[in-house]
C-alpha cells in the first residue's frame, strides 16, 4: 500500500497532538495539527470561532483544512476531535493517508480534557464524565473504518509511537517521498526502535 501521510484521529483527550509530535520526530516528518491550522487561518481560538460563527461554519472550515493537508507528503496529521469522523472526512483523509485511531479509557480522557477548561467548544465541562461517555459511544462507529487502532491509556509516548510504526511496518505501507512527483517510495518505519531525528 502506498500513501503520503499518517493521520491520527480520535476523540479529544486521546493524545493525538502529543503522540503526533513524537511520531513526526521519529519519522523526521512535519507535524500538522488541524485545530492549530484553523486557529492560524482565522486568527481566533477554536472556542472563539465556534462561538462566533456556529457549528456549520466550523465544520466547513475544518473540511477545507482537511482537503489542504491531506495532499501533503511526509506529514503526521492530527485531526481535531471536536466531532467524530464521518464518511466525508474519512474519504478525504484516507485517499493519501494511513488512518490511525487513538483510543483511551474514559478516566484518562476525562483527566486530559479536564486540564483545559473552556478550550474545547463542544465539551460540557459541567458534566464531563457523561460527556466523555457519550462521545465514546459516538466514536465507536468510526474505528472500523480506520486502518488500525492504538490504545494510549498506558505507556509513554515513545512506547506508543513504537506501536504505531510497528503496525505500519507489518502492514507493508510505503510512503511517497516529498518532491519526487510520486515516483520514489520508501518505508520510513524500518529500524523504528530508535529515534530517527536528524
N, C-alpha and C. Protein backbone atom coordinates (compact mmCIF):
# COMPACT_ATOMS: atom_id res chain seq x y z
N UNK A 1 0.85 -1.19 0.00
CA UNK A 1 0.00 0.00 0.00
C UNK A 1 0.88 1.24 0.00
N UNK A 2 0.55 2.20 -0.83
CA UNK A 2 1.34 3.43 -0.94
C UNK A 2 0.50 4.62 -0.47
N UNK A 3 1.04 5.38 0.45
CA UNK A 3 0.36 6.55 1.00
C UNK A 3 1.34 7.72 1.05
N UNK A 4 0.83 8.88 1.47
CA UNK A 4 1.68 10.05 1.63
C UNK A 4 1.89 10.41 3.11
N UNK A 5 0.85 10.21 3.91
CA UNK A 5 0.85 10.74 5.27
C UNK A 5 0.35 9.71 6.27
N UNK A 6 0.58 10.01 7.54
CA UNK A 6 -0.04 9.27 8.64
C UNK A 6 -1.03 10.21 9.31
N UNK A 7 -2.27 9.77 9.44
CA UNK A 7 -3.33 10.60 10.00
C UNK A 7 -3.77 10.01 11.34
N UNK A 8 -3.73 10.82 12.39
CA UNK A 8 -4.18 10.39 13.71
C UNK A 8 -5.56 10.96 13.97
N UNK A 9 -6.52 10.08 14.26
CA UNK A 9 -7.88 10.50 14.59
C UNK A 9 -8.25 9.93 15.94
N UNK A 10 -9.31 10.46 16.51
CA UNK A 10 -9.78 10.00 17.81
C UNK A 10 -10.46 11.13 18.54
N UNK A 11 -11.20 10.78 19.54
CA UNK A 11 -11.89 11.82 20.29
C UNK A 11 -10.89 12.67 21.07
N UNK A 12 -11.33 13.85 21.45
CA UNK A 12 -10.46 14.73 22.22
C UNK A 12 -9.97 14.01 23.47
N UNK A 13 -8.72 14.28 23.84
CA UNK A 13 -8.15 13.65 25.01
C UNK A 13 -7.54 12.29 24.74
N UNK A 14 -7.50 11.88 23.48
CA UNK A 14 -6.91 10.57 23.16
C UNK A 14 -5.40 10.65 22.97
N UNK A 15 -4.85 11.85 22.95
CA UNK A 15 -3.40 12.02 22.87
C UNK A 15 -2.86 12.29 21.48
N UNK A 16 -3.72 12.73 20.56
CA UNK A 16 -3.29 12.90 19.16
C UNK A 16 -2.16 13.92 19.00
N UNK A 17 -2.27 15.06 19.66
CA UNK A 17 -1.26 16.10 19.46
C UNK A 17 0.09 15.68 20.04
N UNK A 18 0.08 15.16 21.24
CA UNK A 18 1.33 14.76 21.90
C UNK A 18 2.00 13.61 21.15
N UNK A 19 1.22 12.58 20.87
CA UNK A 19 1.76 11.43 20.15
C UNK A 19 2.16 11.82 18.73
N UNK A 20 1.37 12.69 18.11
CA UNK A 20 1.65 13.12 16.75
C UNK A 20 2.99 13.83 16.63
N UNK A 21 3.29 14.69 17.58
CA UNK A 21 4.59 15.38 17.57
C UNK A 21 5.75 14.39 17.72
N UNK A 22 5.58 13.46 18.62
CA UNK A 22 6.64 12.45 18.84
C UNK A 22 6.81 11.57 17.61
N UNK A 23 5.70 11.19 16.98
CA UNK A 23 5.77 10.36 15.79
C UNK A 23 6.43 11.11 14.64
N UNK A 24 6.10 12.40 14.48
CA UNK A 24 6.73 13.20 13.43
C UNK A 24 8.23 13.31 13.64
N UNK A 25 8.66 13.46 14.89
CA UNK A 25 10.09 13.48 15.18
C UNK A 25 10.73 12.15 14.81
N UNK A 26 10.07 11.07 15.14
CA UNK A 26 10.61 9.75 14.84
C UNK A 26 10.76 9.54 13.33
N UNK A 27 9.77 9.99 12.57
CA UNK A 27 9.79 9.80 11.13
C UNK A 27 10.62 10.86 10.42
N UNK A 28 10.98 11.92 11.14
CA UNK A 28 11.64 13.09 10.55
C UNK A 28 10.73 13.74 9.50
N UNK A 29 9.45 13.85 9.86
CA UNK A 29 8.42 14.46 9.01
C UNK A 29 7.92 15.74 9.66
N UNK A 30 7.06 16.46 8.94
CA UNK A 30 6.40 17.62 9.52
C UNK A 30 5.18 17.17 10.32
N UNK A 31 4.81 17.95 11.32
CA UNK A 31 3.62 17.67 12.12
C UNK A 31 2.58 18.76 11.84
N UNK A 32 1.34 18.34 11.62
CA UNK A 32 0.25 19.25 11.33
C UNK A 32 -0.90 18.96 12.29
N UNK A 33 -1.31 19.96 13.04
CA UNK A 33 -2.48 19.85 13.93
C UNK A 33 -3.59 20.69 13.29
N UNK A 34 -4.69 20.05 12.90
CA UNK A 34 -5.73 20.78 12.16
C UNK A 34 -6.41 21.85 13.01
N UNK A 35 -6.49 21.63 14.31
CA UNK A 35 -7.05 22.68 15.18
C UNK A 35 -6.16 23.91 15.18
N UNK A 36 -4.86 23.70 15.29
CA UNK A 36 -3.93 24.83 15.28
C UNK A 36 -3.94 25.52 13.90
N UNK A 37 -4.09 24.74 12.83
CA UNK A 37 -4.16 25.32 11.50
C UNK A 37 -5.40 26.20 11.36
N UNK A 38 -6.52 25.74 11.91
CA UNK A 38 -7.74 26.53 11.87
C UNK A 38 -7.57 27.83 12.65
N UNK A 39 -6.93 27.75 13.79
CA UNK A 39 -6.71 28.95 14.60
C UNK A 39 -5.79 29.93 13.86
N UNK A 40 -4.79 29.41 13.18
CA UNK A 40 -3.88 30.28 12.44
C UNK A 40 -4.59 30.96 11.28
N UNK A 41 -5.43 30.20 10.57
CA UNK A 41 -6.13 30.73 9.40
C UNK A 41 -7.18 31.77 9.79
N UNK A 42 -7.80 31.61 10.95
CA UNK A 42 -8.89 32.51 11.35
C UNK A 42 -8.44 33.59 12.32
N UNK A 43 -7.23 33.48 12.83
CA UNK A 43 -6.73 34.40 13.86
C UNK A 43 -7.65 34.42 15.07
N UNK A 44 -8.26 33.27 15.36
CA UNK A 44 -9.14 33.12 16.51
C UNK A 44 -8.87 31.76 17.13
N UNK A 45 -9.19 31.63 18.42
CA UNK A 45 -9.10 30.32 19.04
C UNK A 45 -10.26 29.45 18.53
N UNK A 46 -10.13 28.15 18.72
CA UNK A 46 -11.19 27.23 18.32
C UNK A 46 -12.51 27.63 18.99
N UNK A 47 -12.45 27.88 20.30
CA UNK A 47 -13.67 28.23 21.05
C UNK A 47 -14.26 29.54 20.54
N UNK A 48 -13.41 30.53 20.25
CA UNK A 48 -13.90 31.83 19.76
C UNK A 48 -14.57 31.69 18.40
N UNK A 49 -13.95 30.94 17.50
CA UNK A 49 -14.51 30.79 16.15
C UNK A 49 -15.82 30.03 16.21
N UNK A 50 -15.85 28.97 16.97
CA UNK A 50 -17.07 28.18 17.11
C UNK A 50 -18.19 29.03 17.72
N UNK A 51 -17.86 29.81 18.76
CA UNK A 51 -18.86 30.64 19.42
C UNK A 51 -19.37 31.76 18.54
N UNK A 52 -18.52 32.30 17.68
CA UNK A 52 -18.90 33.44 16.84
C UNK A 52 -19.67 33.03 15.59
N UNK A 53 -19.31 31.89 14.99
CA UNK A 53 -19.86 31.54 13.69
C UNK A 53 -20.72 30.27 13.68
N UNK A 54 -20.64 29.49 14.76
CA UNK A 54 -21.52 28.34 14.87
C UNK A 54 -20.95 27.06 14.28
N UNK A 55 -21.69 25.96 14.50
CA UNK A 55 -21.20 24.64 14.14
C UNK A 55 -21.05 24.46 12.64
N UNK A 56 -21.98 25.00 11.84
CA UNK A 56 -21.92 24.81 10.39
C UNK A 56 -20.66 25.43 9.79
N UNK A 57 -20.38 26.66 10.16
CA UNK A 57 -19.18 27.34 9.66
C UNK A 57 -17.92 26.65 10.16
N UNK A 58 -17.96 26.17 11.39
CA UNK A 58 -16.81 25.47 11.95
C UNK A 58 -16.51 24.21 11.15
N UNK A 59 -17.55 23.41 10.88
CA UNK A 59 -17.34 22.17 10.13
C UNK A 59 -16.87 22.45 8.71
N UNK A 60 -17.41 23.48 8.07
CA UNK A 60 -17.00 23.81 6.71
C UNK A 60 -15.53 24.24 6.68
N UNK A 61 -15.12 25.02 7.66
CA UNK A 61 -13.72 25.45 7.72
C UNK A 61 -12.81 24.25 7.99
N UNK A 62 -13.25 23.37 8.86
CA UNK A 62 -12.46 22.18 9.18
C UNK A 62 -12.28 21.29 7.95
N UNK A 63 -13.36 21.10 7.18
CA UNK A 63 -13.30 20.28 5.98
C UNK A 63 -12.34 20.89 4.96
N UNK A 64 -12.39 22.21 4.80
CA UNK A 64 -11.48 22.89 3.87
C UNK A 64 -10.02 22.66 4.26
N UNK A 65 -9.73 22.70 5.54
CA UNK A 65 -8.38 22.46 6.02
C UNK A 65 -7.96 21.01 5.78
N UNK A 66 -8.88 20.08 5.99
CA UNK A 66 -8.57 18.67 5.75
C UNK A 66 -8.23 18.43 4.28
N UNK A 67 -8.97 19.08 3.38
CA UNK A 67 -8.64 18.96 1.96
C UNK A 67 -7.21 19.44 1.69
N UNK A 68 -6.82 20.53 2.32
CA UNK A 68 -5.48 21.08 2.10
C UNK A 68 -4.40 20.13 2.61
N UNK A 69 -4.51 19.74 3.88
CA UNK A 69 -3.42 18.98 4.50
C UNK A 69 -3.36 17.54 4.01
N UNK A 70 -4.48 17.02 3.52
CA UNK A 70 -4.48 15.63 3.05
C UNK A 70 -3.59 15.43 1.83
N UNK A 71 -3.28 16.50 1.12
CA UNK A 71 -2.45 16.42 -0.08
C UNK A 71 -0.96 16.57 0.22
N UNK A 72 -0.62 16.77 1.48
CA UNK A 72 0.78 16.90 1.86
C UNK A 72 1.51 15.57 1.63
N UNK A 73 2.83 15.65 1.68
CA UNK A 73 3.68 14.47 1.67
C UNK A 73 4.48 14.45 2.97
N UNK A 74 4.69 13.26 3.51
CA UNK A 74 5.52 13.09 4.69
C UNK A 74 5.07 14.00 5.84
N UNK A 75 3.80 13.87 6.19
CA UNK A 75 3.24 14.64 7.29
C UNK A 75 2.51 13.71 8.25
N UNK A 76 2.66 13.98 9.53
CA UNK A 76 1.82 13.36 10.55
C UNK A 76 0.73 14.37 10.86
N UNK A 77 -0.51 14.02 10.58
CA UNK A 77 -1.63 14.94 10.68
C UNK A 77 -2.51 14.54 11.86
N UNK A 78 -2.66 15.44 12.82
CA UNK A 78 -3.55 15.23 13.95
C UNK A 78 -4.86 15.95 13.66
N UNK A 79 -5.96 15.19 13.60
CA UNK A 79 -7.26 15.75 13.24
C UNK A 79 -8.04 16.08 14.51
N UNK A 80 -8.57 17.28 14.57
CA UNK A 80 -9.33 17.72 15.74
C UNK A 80 -10.42 16.75 16.12
N UNK A 81 -10.60 16.54 17.42
CA UNK A 81 -11.57 15.56 17.90
C UNK A 81 -12.86 16.17 18.40
N UNK A 82 -13.20 17.37 17.92
CA UNK A 82 -14.43 18.01 18.37
C UNK A 82 -15.67 17.24 17.92
N UNK A 83 -15.56 16.57 16.76
CA UNK A 83 -16.67 15.79 16.23
C UNK A 83 -16.12 14.45 15.75
N UNK A 84 -16.94 13.38 15.81
CA UNK A 84 -16.49 12.10 15.26
C UNK A 84 -16.27 12.20 13.76
N UNK A 85 -15.31 11.45 13.26
CA UNK A 85 -15.06 11.39 11.83
C UNK A 85 -16.27 10.78 11.14
N UNK A 86 -16.69 11.37 10.00
CA UNK A 86 -17.80 10.82 9.22
C UNK A 86 -17.26 10.34 7.87
N UNK A 87 -18.15 9.87 7.01
CA UNK A 87 -17.72 9.28 5.74
C UNK A 87 -17.02 10.31 4.86
N UNK A 88 -17.45 11.58 4.94
CA UNK A 88 -16.81 12.62 4.14
C UNK A 88 -15.36 12.83 4.57
N UNK A 89 -15.14 12.99 5.87
CA UNK A 89 -13.77 13.20 6.34
C UNK A 89 -12.93 11.96 6.12
N UNK A 90 -13.52 10.78 6.26
CA UNK A 90 -12.79 9.54 6.00
C UNK A 90 -12.26 9.50 4.57
N UNK A 91 -13.12 9.81 3.62
CA UNK A 91 -12.71 9.75 2.21
C UNK A 91 -11.60 10.76 1.91
N UNK A 92 -11.69 11.94 2.50
CA UNK A 92 -10.65 12.95 2.29
C UNK A 92 -9.31 12.46 2.82
N UNK A 93 -9.33 11.93 4.04
CA UNK A 93 -8.08 11.58 4.72
C UNK A 93 -7.48 10.27 4.23
N UNK A 94 -8.33 9.32 3.86
CA UNK A 94 -7.82 8.00 3.51
C UNK A 94 -7.25 7.95 2.10
N UNK A 95 -7.60 8.90 1.26
CA UNK A 95 -7.09 8.88 -0.11
C UNK A 95 -5.57 8.87 -0.14
N UNK A 96 -4.94 9.68 0.69
CA UNK A 96 -3.47 9.76 0.71
C UNK A 96 -2.87 9.40 2.06
N UNK A 97 -3.69 9.04 3.03
CA UNK A 97 -3.14 8.80 4.36
C UNK A 97 -3.52 7.46 4.95
N UNK A 98 -2.65 6.96 5.79
CA UNK A 98 -2.96 5.80 6.61
C UNK A 98 -3.61 6.34 7.88
N UNK A 99 -4.78 5.83 8.23
CA UNK A 99 -5.55 6.40 9.34
C UNK A 99 -5.36 5.54 10.59
N UNK A 100 -4.82 6.17 11.62
CA UNK A 100 -4.58 5.51 12.90
C UNK A 100 -5.52 6.13 13.93
N UNK A 101 -6.37 5.29 14.53
CA UNK A 101 -7.27 5.77 15.58
C UNK A 101 -6.60 5.60 16.94
N UNK A 102 -6.57 6.66 17.73
CA UNK A 102 -6.07 6.59 19.09
C UNK A 102 -7.26 6.51 20.04
N UNK A 103 -7.22 5.56 20.93
CA UNK A 103 -8.30 5.37 21.90
C UNK A 103 -7.72 5.37 23.30
N UNK A 104 -8.57 5.64 24.28
CA UNK A 104 -8.12 5.64 25.66
C UNK A 104 -9.30 5.36 26.56
N UNK A 105 -9.01 4.91 27.77
CA UNK A 105 -10.06 4.62 28.73
C UNK A 105 -10.75 5.92 29.17
N UNK A 106 -12.04 5.86 29.56
CA UNK A 106 -12.80 7.07 29.91
C UNK A 106 -12.13 7.92 30.99
N UNK A 107 -11.57 7.28 32.01
CA UNK A 107 -10.97 8.06 33.09
C UNK A 107 -9.78 8.88 32.59
N UNK A 108 -9.02 8.31 31.63
CA UNK A 108 -7.86 9.02 31.10
C UNK A 108 -8.28 10.18 30.22
N UNK A 109 -9.32 9.98 29.40
CA UNK A 109 -9.83 11.06 28.55
C UNK A 109 -10.38 12.19 29.42
N UNK A 110 -11.15 11.84 30.45
CA UNK A 110 -11.71 12.85 31.35
C UNK A 110 -10.61 13.66 32.01
N UNK A 111 -9.56 12.97 32.43
CA UNK A 111 -8.42 13.64 33.07
C UNK A 111 -7.75 14.61 32.10
N UNK A 112 -7.51 14.18 30.87
CA UNK A 112 -6.82 15.03 29.90
C UNK A 112 -7.66 16.22 29.48
N UNK A 113 -8.93 15.98 29.18
CA UNK A 113 -9.81 17.07 28.74
C UNK A 113 -10.02 18.08 29.87
N UNK A 114 -10.11 17.59 31.10
CA UNK A 114 -10.35 18.46 32.24
C UNK A 114 -9.22 19.41 32.56
N UNK A 115 -8.05 19.17 31.97
CA UNK A 115 -6.91 20.06 32.22
C UNK A 115 -7.05 21.40 31.50
N UNK A 116 -7.95 21.46 30.52
CA UNK A 116 -8.04 22.67 29.68
C UNK A 116 -9.48 23.15 29.62
N UNK A 117 -9.98 23.60 30.74
CA UNK A 117 -11.36 24.07 30.82
C UNK A 117 -11.59 25.23 29.86
N UNK A 118 -12.63 25.11 29.02
CA UNK A 118 -13.01 26.19 28.10
C UNK A 118 -12.31 26.15 26.76
N UNK A 119 -11.32 25.29 26.61
CA UNK A 119 -10.55 25.26 25.37
C UNK A 119 -11.32 24.61 24.22
N UNK A 120 -12.10 23.58 24.54
CA UNK A 120 -12.78 22.80 23.50
C UNK A 120 -14.25 23.20 23.45
N UNK A 121 -14.71 23.70 22.31
CA UNK A 121 -16.03 24.35 22.25
C UNK A 121 -17.21 23.41 22.40
N UNK A 122 -17.06 22.13 22.12
CA UNK A 122 -18.21 21.22 22.17
C UNK A 122 -18.33 20.48 23.49
N UNK A 123 -17.44 20.73 24.42
CA UNK A 123 -17.40 19.97 25.68
C UNK A 123 -18.35 20.55 26.71
N UNK A 124 -19.08 19.66 27.39
CA UNK A 124 -19.89 20.04 28.54
C UNK A 124 -19.02 19.86 29.79
N UNK A 125 -18.34 20.93 30.18
CA UNK A 125 -17.43 20.84 31.30
C UNK A 125 -18.16 20.68 32.63
N UNK A 126 -19.45 21.00 32.68
CA UNK A 126 -20.22 20.85 33.91
C UNK A 126 -20.59 19.39 34.19
N UNK A 127 -20.59 18.56 33.17
CA UNK A 127 -20.89 17.14 33.33
C UNK A 127 -19.92 16.36 32.44
N UNK A 128 -18.65 16.49 32.76
CA UNK A 128 -17.60 16.00 31.88
C UNK A 128 -17.62 14.48 31.73
N UNK A 129 -17.88 13.77 32.82
CA UNK A 129 -17.85 12.31 32.74
C UNK A 129 -18.93 11.77 31.79
N UNK A 130 -20.14 12.31 31.89
CA UNK A 130 -21.22 11.87 30.99
C UNK A 130 -20.93 12.29 29.56
N UNK A 131 -20.34 13.48 29.38
CA UNK A 131 -19.98 13.93 28.04
C UNK A 131 -18.99 12.97 27.40
N UNK A 132 -17.98 12.57 28.16
CA UNK A 132 -16.96 11.66 27.64
C UNK A 132 -17.58 10.32 27.26
N UNK A 133 -18.45 9.80 28.10
CA UNK A 133 -19.09 8.52 27.79
C UNK A 133 -19.93 8.61 26.52
N UNK A 134 -20.66 9.72 26.36
CA UNK A 134 -21.48 9.91 25.15
C UNK A 134 -20.62 9.99 23.91
N UNK A 135 -19.52 10.75 23.99
CA UNK A 135 -18.63 10.88 22.85
C UNK A 135 -17.99 9.54 22.49
N UNK A 136 -17.64 8.76 23.48
CA UNK A 136 -17.04 7.46 23.21
C UNK A 136 -18.00 6.54 22.46
N UNK A 137 -19.26 6.60 22.80
CA UNK A 137 -20.25 5.80 22.09
C UNK A 137 -20.33 6.23 20.63
N UNK A 138 -20.27 7.53 20.38
CA UNK A 138 -20.33 8.04 19.01
C UNK A 138 -19.10 7.64 18.20
N UNK A 139 -17.95 7.62 18.85
CA UNK A 139 -16.71 7.30 18.16
C UNK A 139 -16.57 5.81 17.85
N UNK A 140 -17.31 4.95 18.56
CA UNK A 140 -17.21 3.52 18.31
C UNK A 140 -17.50 3.15 16.87
N UNK A 141 -18.40 3.89 16.24
CA UNK A 141 -18.76 3.59 14.85
C UNK A 141 -17.66 3.97 13.87
N UNK A 142 -16.71 4.77 14.32
CA UNK A 142 -15.64 5.26 13.45
C UNK A 142 -14.50 4.26 13.33
N UNK A 143 -14.15 3.60 14.41
CA UNK A 143 -12.94 2.80 14.47
C UNK A 143 -12.84 1.69 13.41
N UNK A 144 -13.95 1.04 13.04
CA UNK A 144 -13.82 0.01 11.99
C UNK A 144 -13.34 0.54 10.65
N UNK A 145 -13.52 1.84 10.40
CA UNK A 145 -13.06 2.43 9.14
C UNK A 145 -11.56 2.72 9.14
N UNK A 146 -10.96 2.77 10.31
CA UNK A 146 -9.55 3.14 10.42
C UNK A 146 -8.67 1.94 10.08
N UNK A 147 -7.44 2.21 9.69
CA UNK A 147 -6.53 1.14 9.31
C UNK A 147 -6.10 0.31 10.51
N UNK A 148 -5.90 0.97 11.65
CA UNK A 148 -5.69 0.24 12.89
C UNK A 148 -5.87 1.19 14.06
N UNK A 149 -5.99 0.60 15.26
CA UNK A 149 -6.29 1.35 16.48
C UNK A 149 -5.19 1.10 17.51
N UNK A 150 -4.81 2.16 18.22
CA UNK A 150 -3.77 2.05 19.24
C UNK A 150 -4.31 2.65 20.54
N UNK A 151 -4.15 1.93 21.63
CA UNK A 151 -4.62 2.37 22.95
C UNK A 151 -3.53 3.23 23.60
N UNK A 152 -3.91 4.45 24.00
CA UNK A 152 -2.95 5.38 24.59
C UNK A 152 -3.16 5.56 26.09
N UNK A 153 -3.97 4.66 26.71
CA UNK A 153 -4.27 4.80 28.14
C UNK A 153 -3.01 4.71 28.98
N UNK A 154 -2.18 3.72 28.64
CA UNK A 154 -0.98 3.47 29.44
C UNK A 154 0.25 3.48 28.54
N UNK A 155 1.39 3.62 29.16
CA UNK A 155 2.64 3.63 28.40
C UNK A 155 3.07 5.03 28.04
N UNK A 156 4.35 5.20 27.86
CA UNK A 156 4.88 6.50 27.48
C UNK A 156 4.72 6.76 26.00
N UNK A 157 4.97 8.00 25.61
CA UNK A 157 4.81 8.40 24.22
C UNK A 157 5.70 7.59 23.29
N UNK A 158 6.93 7.33 23.70
CA UNK A 158 7.85 6.57 22.85
C UNK A 158 7.35 5.16 22.62
N UNK A 159 6.79 4.55 23.65
CA UNK A 159 6.25 3.19 23.52
C UNK A 159 5.06 3.18 22.55
N UNK A 160 4.19 4.17 22.64
CA UNK A 160 3.02 4.24 21.76
C UNK A 160 3.46 4.49 20.31
N UNK A 161 4.45 5.36 20.13
CA UNK A 161 4.99 5.59 18.79
C UNK A 161 5.57 4.30 18.23
N UNK A 162 6.27 3.55 19.06
CA UNK A 162 6.80 2.26 18.61
C UNK A 162 5.68 1.36 18.10
N UNK A 163 4.57 1.35 18.81
CA UNK A 163 3.44 0.51 18.41
C UNK A 163 2.90 0.94 17.05
N UNK A 164 2.80 2.24 16.82
CA UNK A 164 2.27 2.74 15.56
C UNK A 164 3.19 2.36 14.40
N UNK A 165 4.48 2.61 14.56
CA UNK A 165 5.40 2.33 13.45
C UNK A 165 5.51 0.82 13.20
N UNK A 166 5.34 0.02 14.23
CA UNK A 166 5.37 -1.42 14.05
C UNK A 166 4.15 -1.89 13.24
N UNK A 167 2.98 -1.32 13.54
CA UNK A 167 1.78 -1.63 12.76
C UNK A 167 2.00 -1.30 11.29
N UNK A 168 2.57 -0.12 11.02
CA UNK A 168 2.79 0.32 9.65
C UNK A 168 3.79 -0.59 8.93
N UNK A 169 4.83 -0.95 9.65
CA UNK A 169 5.84 -1.84 9.07
C UNK A 169 5.23 -3.20 8.73
N UNK A 170 4.45 -3.75 9.63
CA UNK A 170 3.86 -5.07 9.41
C UNK A 170 2.83 -5.05 8.28
N UNK A 171 2.19 -3.90 8.08
CA UNK A 171 1.19 -3.78 7.01
C UNK A 171 1.83 -3.48 5.66
N UNK A 172 3.15 -3.37 5.62
CA UNK A 172 3.90 -3.10 4.39
C UNK A 172 3.38 -1.83 3.68
N UNK A 173 3.29 -0.78 4.47
CA UNK A 173 2.85 0.50 3.93
C UNK A 173 4.07 1.33 3.56
N UNK A 174 4.06 1.87 2.37
CA UNK A 174 5.15 2.71 1.87
C UNK A 174 4.62 4.11 1.62
N UNK A 175 5.50 5.09 1.73
CA UNK A 175 5.12 6.48 1.61
C UNK A 175 5.84 7.15 0.44
N UNK A 176 5.10 7.97 -0.28
CA UNK A 176 5.66 8.75 -1.37
C UNK A 176 6.52 9.85 -0.79
N UNK A 177 7.76 9.91 -1.23
CA UNK A 177 8.69 10.91 -0.72
C UNK A 177 8.35 12.29 -1.28
N UNK A 178 8.42 13.29 -0.42
CA UNK A 178 8.12 14.66 -0.81
C UNK A 178 9.06 15.13 -1.92
N UNK A 179 8.48 15.77 -2.95
CA UNK A 179 9.26 16.37 -4.02
C UNK A 179 9.72 15.41 -5.09
N UNK A 180 9.11 14.21 -5.14
CA UNK A 180 9.55 13.23 -6.13
C UNK A 180 8.54 13.04 -7.26
N UNK A 181 7.40 13.75 -7.17
CA UNK A 181 6.38 13.56 -8.18
C UNK A 181 5.73 12.20 -8.11
N UNK A 182 5.83 11.57 -6.94
CA UNK A 182 5.18 10.29 -6.73
C UNK A 182 5.98 9.10 -7.22
N UNK A 183 7.22 9.32 -7.66
CA UNK A 183 7.99 8.23 -8.24
C UNK A 183 8.79 7.45 -7.20
N UNK A 184 9.27 8.13 -6.20
CA UNK A 184 10.10 7.45 -5.20
C UNK A 184 9.26 7.12 -3.98
N UNK A 185 9.34 5.88 -3.52
CA UNK A 185 8.57 5.46 -2.36
C UNK A 185 9.54 4.88 -1.34
N UNK A 186 9.19 5.02 -0.07
CA UNK A 186 10.05 4.45 0.95
C UNK A 186 9.22 4.10 2.17
N UNK A 187 9.72 3.17 2.94
CA UNK A 187 9.09 2.80 4.20
C UNK A 187 9.97 3.36 5.30
N UNK A 188 9.52 4.42 5.97
CA UNK A 188 10.33 5.08 6.98
C UNK A 188 10.23 4.42 8.35
N UNK A 189 9.54 3.28 8.42
CA UNK A 189 9.40 2.63 9.71
C UNK A 189 10.48 1.59 9.95
N UNK A 190 11.39 1.41 9.01
CA UNK A 190 12.50 0.48 9.24
C UNK A 190 13.36 0.97 10.39
N UNK A 191 13.84 0.04 11.18
CA UNK A 191 14.65 0.38 12.35
C UNK A 191 13.91 1.35 13.26
N UNK A 192 12.62 1.09 13.46
CA UNK A 192 11.77 2.02 14.19
C UNK A 192 11.99 2.01 15.69
N UNK A 193 12.82 1.13 16.19
CA UNK A 193 13.04 1.09 17.63
C UNK A 193 13.94 2.20 18.13
N UNK A 194 14.54 2.93 17.21
CA UNK A 194 15.39 4.05 17.59
C UNK A 194 14.84 5.33 17.03
N UNK A 195 15.11 6.41 17.72
CA UNK A 195 14.63 7.72 17.30
C UNK A 195 15.46 8.20 16.12
N UNK A 196 14.77 8.58 15.01
CA UNK A 196 15.48 8.91 13.77
C UNK A 196 15.65 10.43 13.58
N UNK A 197 15.74 11.17 14.64
CA UNK A 197 15.92 12.61 14.49
C UNK A 197 17.25 12.90 13.82
N UNK A 198 17.20 13.86 12.87
CA UNK A 198 18.42 14.22 12.16
C UNK A 198 18.55 15.73 12.10
